[in-house]
């Protein structure tokens, strides 16, 4: 029986065609080919954040998720691996990229393996991936692969970019094969600090029959 993995590509590119999407697709294709060589299958789903921009803005101010954003959250929840690719503006990942991950539940991506990728017009932005993006994904408690991918305009035709993509793709595949995120979810979830109601509330040991909890829900305290 062939092992199958769900890979979700998040691209924050806004142009069409987009170098940010092109880089993400190149990494995803390499992951799929490496998996095929190992008699495995990778199913790729892509989320273009430019199509979700309005819903992301609404979620930022109201915490309400529209249908496209809800679908993206579902894909990430089921993902065995993630490729997150952002354009860099003014020494930081785009606001669209950051806003998308800001509206996600803090528990959604725990232990999921992630390749971080970024594009820019100049190599001056090369450290953004490891200085800013990696910090964001550390806060979300993901398992980012050691190799990050950055492509400035002059990098696309170089052998070095291909080597980094190869290395990052292989790292991601190995982490997906390990099932690490699923093992954390099934065996170690209670050891993490969670938001109330995360994962349906099943990972929380909260006594709802206390004076404080009854008052919070509008009920009376015990006499």
Protein backbone atom coordinates (compact mmCIF):
# COMPACT_ATOMS: atom_id res chain seq x y z
CA UNK A 1 0.00 0.00 0.00
CA UNK A 2 1.41 3.39 -1.02
CA UNK A 3 1.85 5.94 1.78
CA UNK A 4 0.07 9.21 1.00
CA UNK A 5 0.80 12.65 2.46
CA UNK A 6 -1.11 15.92 2.34
CA UNK A 7 1.09 18.90 1.45
CA UNK A 8 -0.35 22.41 1.66
CA UNK A 9 1.32 25.29 -0.17
CA UNK A 10 0.64 28.80 1.16
CA UNK A 11 1.61 31.50 -1.33
CA UNK A 12 1.33 35.21 -0.57
CA UNK A 13 2.31 36.34 -4.04
CA UNK A 14 -0.01 39.00 -5.46
CA UNK A 15 1.02 39.17 -9.11
CA UNK A 16 0.13 36.76 -11.90
CA UNK A 17 2.45 35.07 -12.63
CA UNK A 18 4.05 35.29 -9.20
CA UNK A 19 7.68 34.51 -8.39
CA UNK A 20 6.55 33.69 -4.83
CA UNK A 21 4.10 31.09 -6.12
CA UNK A 22 6.69 29.83 -8.63
CA UNK A 23 9.20 29.21 -5.85
CA UNK A 24 6.63 27.43 -3.68
CA UNK A 25 5.52 25.24 -6.61
CA UNK A 26 9.11 24.36 -7.40
CA UNK A 27 9.67 23.15 -3.84
CA UNK A 28 6.37 21.24 -3.79
CA UNK A 29 7.13 19.54 -7.09
CA UNK A 30 10.48 18.41 -5.77
CA UNK A 31 8.88 16.98 -2.61
CA UNK A 32 6.41 15.06 -4.76
CA UNK A 33 9.15 13.68 -7.03
CA UNK A 34 11.29 12.59 -4.08
CA UNK A 35 8.27 10.86 -2.57
CA UNK A 36 7.57 9.09 -5.86
CA UNK A 37 11.11 7.75 -5.90
CA UNK A 38 10.37 6.23 -2.48
CA UNK A 39 7.06 4.73 -3.71
CA UNK A 40 5.03 7.32 -1.81
CA UNK A 41 2.41 9.84 -2.92
CA UNK A 42 2.16 13.53 -2.08
CA UNK A 43 -1.17 15.28 -2.64
CA UNK A 44 -0.62 19.02 -3.09
CA UNK A 45 -3.21 21.67 -2.24
CA UNK A 46 -2.36 25.33 -2.87
CA UNK A 47 -3.79 28.36 -1.09
CA UNK A 48 -3.23 31.69 -2.87
CA UNK A 49 -3.64 34.32 -0.20
CA UNK A 50 -4.46 37.05 -2.71
CA UNK A 51 -7.81 35.25 -3.19
CA UNK A 52 -8.44 35.43 0.57
CA UNK A 53 -7.36 39.03 1.18
CA UNK A 54 -10.86 40.32 1.93
CA UNK A 55 -11.70 37.47 4.27
CA UNK A 56 -8.37 37.81 6.07
CA UNK A 57 -9.08 41.52 6.69
CA UNK A 58 -12.52 40.68 8.05
CA UNK A 59 -11.09 37.99 10.33
CA UNK A 60 -8.51 40.41 11.73
CA UNK A 61 -11.19 42.79 13.02
CA UNK A 62 -14.06 40.43 13.75
CA UNK A 63 -12.59 36.91 14.23
CA UNK A 64 -15.17 35.72 11.68
CA UNK A 65 -13.91 33.30 9.03
CA UNK A 66 -15.34 33.39 5.53
CA UNK A 67 -15.77 30.22 3.44
CA UNK A 68 -12.43 30.46 1.61
CA UNK A 69 -10.52 31.11 4.82
CA UNK A 70 -12.37 28.29 6.55
CA UNK A 71 -11.34 25.94 3.75
CA UNK A 72 -7.70 27.04 4.10
CA UNK A 73 -7.83 26.33 7.84
CA UNK A 74 -9.27 22.87 7.16
CA UNK A 75 -6.49 22.10 4.69
CA UNK A 76 -3.83 23.18 7.20
CA UNK A 77 -5.46 21.15 9.94
CA UNK A 78 -5.21 18.02 7.78
CA UNK A 79 -1.74 18.81 6.41
CA UNK A 80 1.20 16.47 6.89
CA UNK A 81 3.53 19.21 5.64
CA UNK A 82 3.42 22.89 4.70
CA UNK A 83 5.33 25.16 2.35
CA UNK A 84 4.93 28.83 3.32
CA UNK A 85 6.15 31.30 0.70
CA UNK A 86 6.09 35.09 1.03
CA UNK A 87 7.26 38.11 -0.91
CA UNK A 88 9.49 40.46 1.10
CA UNK A 89 8.74 44.17 1.30
CA UNK A 90 10.75 46.67 3.37
CA UNK A 91 12.74 44.01 5.25
CA UNK A 92 9.74 41.91 6.23
CA UNK A 93 7.30 39.35 4.83
CA UNK A 94 4.24 40.92 3.23
CA UNK A 95 1.40 42.07 5.45
CA UNK A 96 -0.95 39.66 3.68
CA UNK A 97 1.27 36.72 4.62
CA UNK A 98 1.69 37.79 8.24
CA UNK A 99 -2.00 38.64 8.66
CA UNK A 100 -3.07 35.20 7.45
CA UNK A 101 -1.00 33.43 10.09
CA UNK A 102 -2.05 35.98 12.73
CA UNK A 103 -5.71 34.99 12.37
CA UNK A 104 -5.08 31.27 12.73
CA UNK A 105 -5.72 29.48 16.00
CA UNK A 106 -2.46 29.21 17.91
CA UNK A 107 -2.90 25.44 18.19
CA UNK A 108 -3.59 24.70 14.52
CA UNK A 109 -0.02 24.08 13.37
CA UNK A 110 1.60 22.53 16.43
CA UNK A 111 4.47 20.21 15.39
CA UNK A 112 3.64 20.37 11.68
CA UNK A 113 6.73 20.38 9.42
CA UNK A 114 7.17 23.57 7.40
CA UNK A 115 9.48 24.81 4.66
CA UNK A 116 9.93 28.59 4.80
CA UNK A 117 10.49 30.40 1.51
CA UNK A 118 10.68 34.02 0.40
CA UNK A 119 11.31 36.08 -2.71
CA UNK A 120 12.57 39.62 -3.19
CA UNK A 121 14.13 41.86 -5.79
CA UNK A 122 17.42 42.11 -3.94
CA UNK A 123 19.62 39.93 -1.75
CA UNK A 124 19.47 42.61 0.95
CA UNK A 125 16.34 40.84 2.22
CA UNK A 126 17.93 37.39 2.48
CA UNK A 127 17.85 37.26 6.30
CA UNK A 128 14.11 37.93 6.54
CA UNK A 129 13.29 34.22 6.29
CA UNK A 130 15.34 33.22 9.31
CA UNK A 131 15.03 36.41 11.37
CA UNK A 132 11.31 37.11 11.00
CA UNK A 133 9.45 34.24 9.38
CA UNK A 134 11.16 31.56 11.46
CA UNK A 135 10.29 33.48 14.65
CA UNK A 136 6.61 33.60 13.67
CA UNK A 137 6.50 29.87 13.02
CA UNK A 138 8.37 29.17 16.24
CA UNK A 139 5.60 31.01 18.07
CA UNK A 140 3.06 28.81 16.27
CA UNK A 141 5.10 25.81 17.49
CA UNK A 142 5.73 24.31 14.08
CA UNK A 143 8.64 22.11 13.09
CA UNK A 144 10.44 24.26 10.52
CA UNK A 145 13.02 22.39 8.44
CA UNK A 146 16.66 23.48 8.86
CA UNK A 147 16.99 24.74 5.28
CA UNK A 148 15.13 27.91 4.34
CA UNK A 149 14.75 29.12 0.75
CA UNK A 150 15.32 32.68 -0.41
CA UNK A 151 15.36 33.77 -4.04
CA UNK A 152 16.36 37.23 -5.21
CA UNK A 153 16.09 38.16 -8.87
CA UNK A 154 19.62 37.00 -9.62
CA UNK A 155 19.19 33.60 -7.92
CA UNK A 156 16.72 31.93 -10.26
CA UNK A 157 19.28 30.65 -12.73
CA UNK A 158 21.84 29.50 -10.16
CA UNK A 159 22.65 25.93 -9.23
CA UNK A 160 22.77 26.92 -5.57
CA UNK A 161 19.03 27.64 -5.48
CA UNK A 162 18.33 24.19 -6.88
CA UNK A 163 20.56 22.59 -4.27
CA UNK A 164 18.77 24.39 -1.44
CA UNK A 165 15.38 23.38 -2.81
CA UNK A 166 16.54 19.77 -3.02
CA UNK A 167 17.77 19.83 0.55
CA UNK A 168 14.67 21.53 1.99
CA UNK A 169 12.33 19.21 0.06
CA UNK A 170 14.10 16.14 1.39
CA UNK A 171 14.03 17.47 4.96
CA UNK A 172 10.31 18.11 4.68
CA UNK A 173 9.62 14.66 3.27
CA UNK A 174 11.54 12.95 6.06
CA UNK A 175 9.55 14.86 8.68
CA UNK A 176 6.27 14.01 6.99
CA UNK A 177 7.27 10.35 6.85
CA UNK A 178 8.05 10.37 10.57
CA UNK A 179 4.45 11.24 11.45
CA UNK A 180 5.80 13.49 14.20
CA UNK A 181 2.88 15.95 14.17
CA UNK A 182 0.31 13.16 14.37
CA UNK A 183 2.15 11.51 17.24
CA UNK A 184 2.20 14.81 19.14
CA UNK A 185 -1.53 15.25 18.50
CA UNK A 186 -2.38 11.72 19.61
CA UNK A 187 0.11 11.16 22.42
CA UNK A 188 1.45 14.46 23.74
CA UNK A 189 -1.25 17.07 23.19
CA UNK A 190 -1.97 17.61 26.88
CA UNK A 191 1.59 18.70 27.58
CA UNK A 192 1.10 21.91 25.55
CA UNK A 193 -0.54 25.14 26.63
CA UNK A 194 -3.73 25.52 24.60
CA UNK A 195 -6.35 28.10 23.87
CA UNK A 196 -9.71 27.33 25.47
CA UNK A 197 -11.74 25.09 23.19
CA UNK A 198 -8.82 24.05 21.00
CA UNK A 199 -9.35 20.71 19.25
CA UNK A 200 -12.92 20.70 20.47
CA UNK A 201 -11.79 21.19 24.05
CA UNK A 202 -10.79 17.54 24.35
CA UNK A 203 -7.23 18.35 25.37
CA UNK A 204 -8.22 20.57 28.30
CA UNK A 205 -8.95 19.48 31.84
CA UNK A 206 -11.15 22.38 32.93
CA UNK A 207 -13.59 22.14 35.80
CA UNK A 208 -16.68 23.98 34.57
CA UNK A 209 -18.42 23.56 37.92
CA UNK A 210 -16.55 26.29 39.80
CA UNK A 211 -17.84 29.65 41.04
CA UNK A 212 -15.60 31.48 38.58
CA UNK A 213 -16.72 29.46 35.57
CA UNK A 214 -20.41 29.73 36.55
CA UNK A 215 -20.10 33.49 36.92
CA UNK A 216 -18.30 33.74 33.57
CA UNK A 217 -21.24 32.04 31.88
CA UNK A 218 -23.85 34.19 33.64
CA UNK A 219 -24.81 31.70 36.35
CA UNK A 220 -24.85 32.18 40.11
CA UNK A 221 -22.04 31.30 42.49
CA UNK A 222 -22.73 28.71 45.15
CA UNK A 223 -24.24 30.03 48.35
